[in-house]
Amino acid sequence: MRSRLLAEGTHERSWDPLARPAAGEPWDSTTRYPTPQQALADADAVMFDGRSPLDPAPLREIGFRYTSIGRP
């Protein structure tokens, strides 16, 4: 899905405090941000990886629709 979205002209933004990016893909086409708020600012769509690093309650409180796989 990521490659298709990028081919369609989307711009990928990320926040991942655990990632250790190296040169090359996928990091070359990703703009990294120091906070989740900055990464999510003006986003049209949001996708998270499966590690579920965020607590969904505060996200829901500020208006995000949070859908999780493997967690209620």
N, C-alpha and C. Protein backbone atom coordinates (compact mmCIF):
# COMPACT_ATOMS: atom_id res chain seq x y z
N MET A 1 0.81 -1.17 0.00
CA MET A 1 0.00 0.00 0.00
C MET A 1 0.88 1.26 0.00
N ARG A 2 1.95 1.25 0.76
CA ARG A 2 2.83 2.41 0.84
C ARG A 2 3.37 2.81 -0.53
N SER A 3 3.86 1.84 -1.28
CA SER A 3 4.44 2.16 -2.59
C SER A 3 3.39 2.74 -3.53
N ARG A 4 2.18 2.25 -3.46
CA ARG A 4 1.13 2.80 -4.33
C ARG A 4 0.78 4.24 -3.93
N LEU A 5 0.67 4.49 -2.65
CA LEU A 5 0.38 5.85 -2.19
C LEU A 5 1.48 6.82 -2.62
N LEU A 6 2.73 6.40 -2.48
CA LEU A 6 3.84 7.27 -2.91
C LEU A 6 3.80 7.48 -4.42
N ALA A 7 3.46 6.45 -5.18
CA ALA A 7 3.36 6.58 -6.64
C ALA A 7 2.25 7.54 -7.04
N GLU A 8 1.22 7.65 -6.19
CA GLU A 8 0.10 8.56 -6.45
C GLU A 8 0.43 10.00 -6.07
N GLY A 9 1.61 10.21 -5.50
CA GLY A 9 2.04 11.57 -5.17
C GLY A 9 1.84 12.00 -3.73
N THR A 10 1.56 11.04 -2.84
CA THR A 10 1.42 11.41 -1.44
C THR A 10 2.77 11.75 -0.84
N HIS A 11 2.74 12.41 0.29
CA HIS A 11 3.95 12.76 1.03
C HIS A 11 3.88 12.06 2.37
N GLU A 12 4.89 11.27 2.66
CA GLU A 12 4.89 10.49 3.89
C GLU A 12 5.59 11.25 5.00
N ARG A 13 4.93 11.28 6.15
CA ARG A 13 5.48 11.93 7.34
C ARG A 13 5.51 10.87 8.43
N SER A 14 6.52 10.89 9.28
CA SER A 14 6.57 9.86 10.31
C SER A 14 7.08 10.38 11.64
N TRP A 15 6.67 9.67 12.67
CA TRP A 15 7.20 9.83 14.02
C TRP A 15 7.31 8.43 14.58
N ASP A 16 8.49 8.06 14.97
CA ASP A 16 8.71 6.75 15.56
C ASP A 16 9.90 6.86 16.49
N PRO A 17 9.65 6.95 17.80
CA PRO A 17 10.76 7.14 18.73
C PRO A 17 11.68 5.93 18.86
N LEU A 18 11.26 4.78 18.34
CA LEU A 18 12.07 3.57 18.47
C LEU A 18 12.87 3.24 17.21
N ALA A 19 12.53 3.88 16.10
CA ALA A 19 13.19 3.55 14.83
C ALA A 19 14.62 4.06 14.81
N ARG A 20 15.46 3.31 14.17
CA ARG A 20 16.84 3.69 13.95
C ARG A 20 17.08 3.75 12.44
N PRO A 21 16.65 4.85 11.82
CA PRO A 21 16.71 4.89 10.35
C PRO A 21 18.13 4.89 9.82
N ALA A 22 18.28 4.19 8.73
CA ALA A 22 19.54 4.15 8.01
C ALA A 22 19.31 4.78 6.64
N ALA A 23 20.36 4.96 5.89
CA ALA A 23 20.22 5.50 4.54
C ALA A 23 19.46 4.49 3.68
N GLY A 24 18.71 4.99 2.73
CA GLY A 24 17.95 4.12 1.83
C GLY A 24 16.48 4.11 2.20
N GLU A 25 15.74 3.32 1.45
CA GLU A 25 14.30 3.22 1.69
C GLU A 25 14.02 2.36 2.92
N PRO A 26 12.98 2.64 3.66
CA PRO A 26 11.93 3.61 3.37
C PRO A 26 12.23 5.02 3.83
N TRP A 27 13.34 5.23 4.49
CA TRP A 27 13.60 6.52 5.12
C TRP A 27 13.89 7.65 4.14
N ASP A 28 14.40 7.35 2.95
CA ASP A 28 14.72 8.42 1.99
C ASP A 28 13.48 9.17 1.52
N SER A 29 12.33 8.54 1.52
CA SER A 29 11.11 9.21 1.05
C SER A 29 10.18 9.59 2.20
N THR A 30 10.71 9.62 3.41
CA THR A 30 9.91 9.94 4.59
C THR A 30 10.47 11.16 5.28
N THR A 31 9.59 12.09 5.64
CA THR A 31 10.00 13.22 6.46
C THR A 31 9.71 12.85 7.90
N ARG A 32 10.74 12.84 8.73
CA ARG A 32 10.58 12.46 10.14
C ARG A 32 10.36 13.70 10.99
N TYR A 33 9.52 13.55 12.03
CA TYR A 33 9.21 14.64 12.94
C TYR A 33 9.49 14.23 14.37
N PRO A 34 9.86 15.19 15.23
CA PRO A 34 10.22 14.85 16.60
C PRO A 34 9.03 14.55 17.52
N THR A 35 7.82 14.94 17.12
CA THR A 35 6.65 14.67 17.95
C THR A 35 5.52 14.12 17.08
N PRO A 36 4.60 13.35 17.68
CA PRO A 36 3.47 12.86 16.89
C PRO A 36 2.57 14.00 16.43
N GLN A 37 2.45 15.06 17.23
CA GLN A 37 1.62 16.19 16.84
C GLN A 37 2.12 16.83 15.55
N GLN A 38 3.43 16.99 15.43
CA GLN A 38 4.00 17.57 14.21
C GLN A 38 3.81 16.65 13.02
N ALA A 39 3.97 15.36 13.23
CA ALA A 39 3.81 14.41 12.13
C ALA A 39 2.36 14.36 11.65
N LEU A 40 1.41 14.57 12.55
CA LEU A 40 0.00 14.47 12.20
C LEU A 40 -0.62 15.78 11.72
N ALA A 41 0.08 16.89 11.90
CA ALA A 41 -0.47 18.19 11.53
C ALA A 41 -0.85 18.21 10.05
N ASP A 42 -2.09 18.58 9.77
CA ASP A 42 -2.61 18.70 8.40
C ASP A 42 -2.63 17.39 7.62
N ALA A 43 -2.60 16.27 8.31
CA ALA A 43 -2.63 14.97 7.63
C ALA A 43 -4.03 14.67 7.11
N ASP A 44 -4.10 14.08 5.93
CA ASP A 44 -5.38 13.64 5.37
C ASP A 44 -5.68 12.21 5.76
N ALA A 45 -4.66 11.43 6.00
CA ALA A 45 -4.83 10.04 6.41
C ALA A 45 -3.69 9.68 7.34
N VAL A 46 -3.95 8.74 8.23
CA VAL A 46 -2.95 8.33 9.20
C VAL A 46 -2.87 6.82 9.22
N MET A 47 -1.65 6.31 9.20
CA MET A 47 -1.44 4.87 9.30
C MET A 47 -0.36 4.64 10.36
N PHE A 48 -0.60 3.68 11.24
CA PHE A 48 0.38 3.34 12.27
C PHE A 48 0.89 1.93 12.03
N ASP A 49 2.07 1.68 12.55
CA ASP A 49 2.58 0.31 12.45
C ASP A 49 1.99 -0.55 13.56
N GLY A 50 2.33 -1.81 13.57
CA GLY A 50 1.71 -2.75 14.50
C GLY A 50 2.24 -2.74 15.91
N ARG A 51 3.20 -1.90 16.22
CA ARG A 51 3.73 -1.90 17.59
C ARG A 51 2.81 -1.19 18.57
N SER A 52 1.87 -0.42 18.07
CA SER A 52 0.91 0.31 18.91
C SER A 52 1.60 1.12 20.02
N PRO A 53 2.48 2.05 19.67
CA PRO A 53 3.21 2.78 20.70
C PRO A 53 2.39 3.87 21.39
N LEU A 54 1.24 4.20 20.86
CA LEU A 54 0.47 5.31 21.40
C LEU A 54 -0.72 4.84 22.20
N ASP A 55 -1.07 5.61 23.21
CA ASP A 55 -2.28 5.37 24.00
C ASP A 55 -3.45 5.96 23.23
N PRO A 56 -4.45 5.16 22.86
CA PRO A 56 -5.55 5.66 22.04
C PRO A 56 -6.45 6.68 22.75
N ALA A 57 -6.58 6.62 24.07
CA ALA A 57 -7.50 7.51 24.77
C ALA A 57 -7.21 9.00 24.52
N PRO A 58 -5.97 9.48 24.70
CA PRO A 58 -5.71 10.90 24.44
C PRO A 58 -5.93 11.29 22.98
N LEU A 59 -5.64 10.37 22.06
CA LEU A 59 -5.86 10.67 20.65
C LEU A 59 -7.35 10.85 20.37
N ARG A 60 -8.17 9.98 20.95
CA ARG A 60 -9.62 10.11 20.77
C ARG A 60 -10.14 11.40 21.39
N GLU A 61 -9.58 11.78 22.53
CA GLU A 61 -10.01 13.00 23.22
C GLU A 61 -9.78 14.25 22.38
N ILE A 62 -8.77 14.25 21.52
CA ILE A 62 -8.50 15.44 20.71
C ILE A 62 -9.05 15.30 19.30
N GLY A 63 -9.90 14.28 19.08
CA GLY A 63 -10.65 14.21 17.84
C GLY A 63 -10.18 13.22 16.80
N PHE A 64 -9.16 12.41 17.09
CA PHE A 64 -8.72 11.41 16.13
C PHE A 64 -9.59 10.17 16.23
N ARG A 65 -9.82 9.54 15.11
CA ARG A 65 -10.47 8.23 15.09
C ARG A 65 -9.34 7.21 15.12
N TYR A 66 -9.27 6.42 16.15
CA TYR A 66 -8.19 5.47 16.35
C TYR A 66 -8.74 4.07 16.19
N THR A 67 -8.21 3.33 15.24
CA THR A 67 -8.61 1.95 15.01
C THR A 67 -7.38 1.09 15.22
N SER A 68 -7.50 0.09 16.06
CA SER A 68 -6.36 -0.75 16.39
C SER A 68 -6.59 -2.19 15.93
N ILE A 69 -5.51 -2.83 15.60
CA ILE A 69 -5.55 -4.26 15.29
C ILE A 69 -4.83 -4.95 16.45
N GLY A 70 -5.55 -5.83 17.12
CA GLY A 70 -4.94 -6.58 18.21
C GLY A 70 -5.04 -5.91 19.56
N ARG A 71 -5.71 -4.76 19.64
CA ARG A 71 -5.90 -4.10 20.92
C ARG A 71 -7.29 -3.47 20.89
N PRO A 72 -8.04 -3.57 22.02
CA PRO A 72 -9.41 -3.00 22.03
C PRO A 72 -9.41 -1.49 21.89
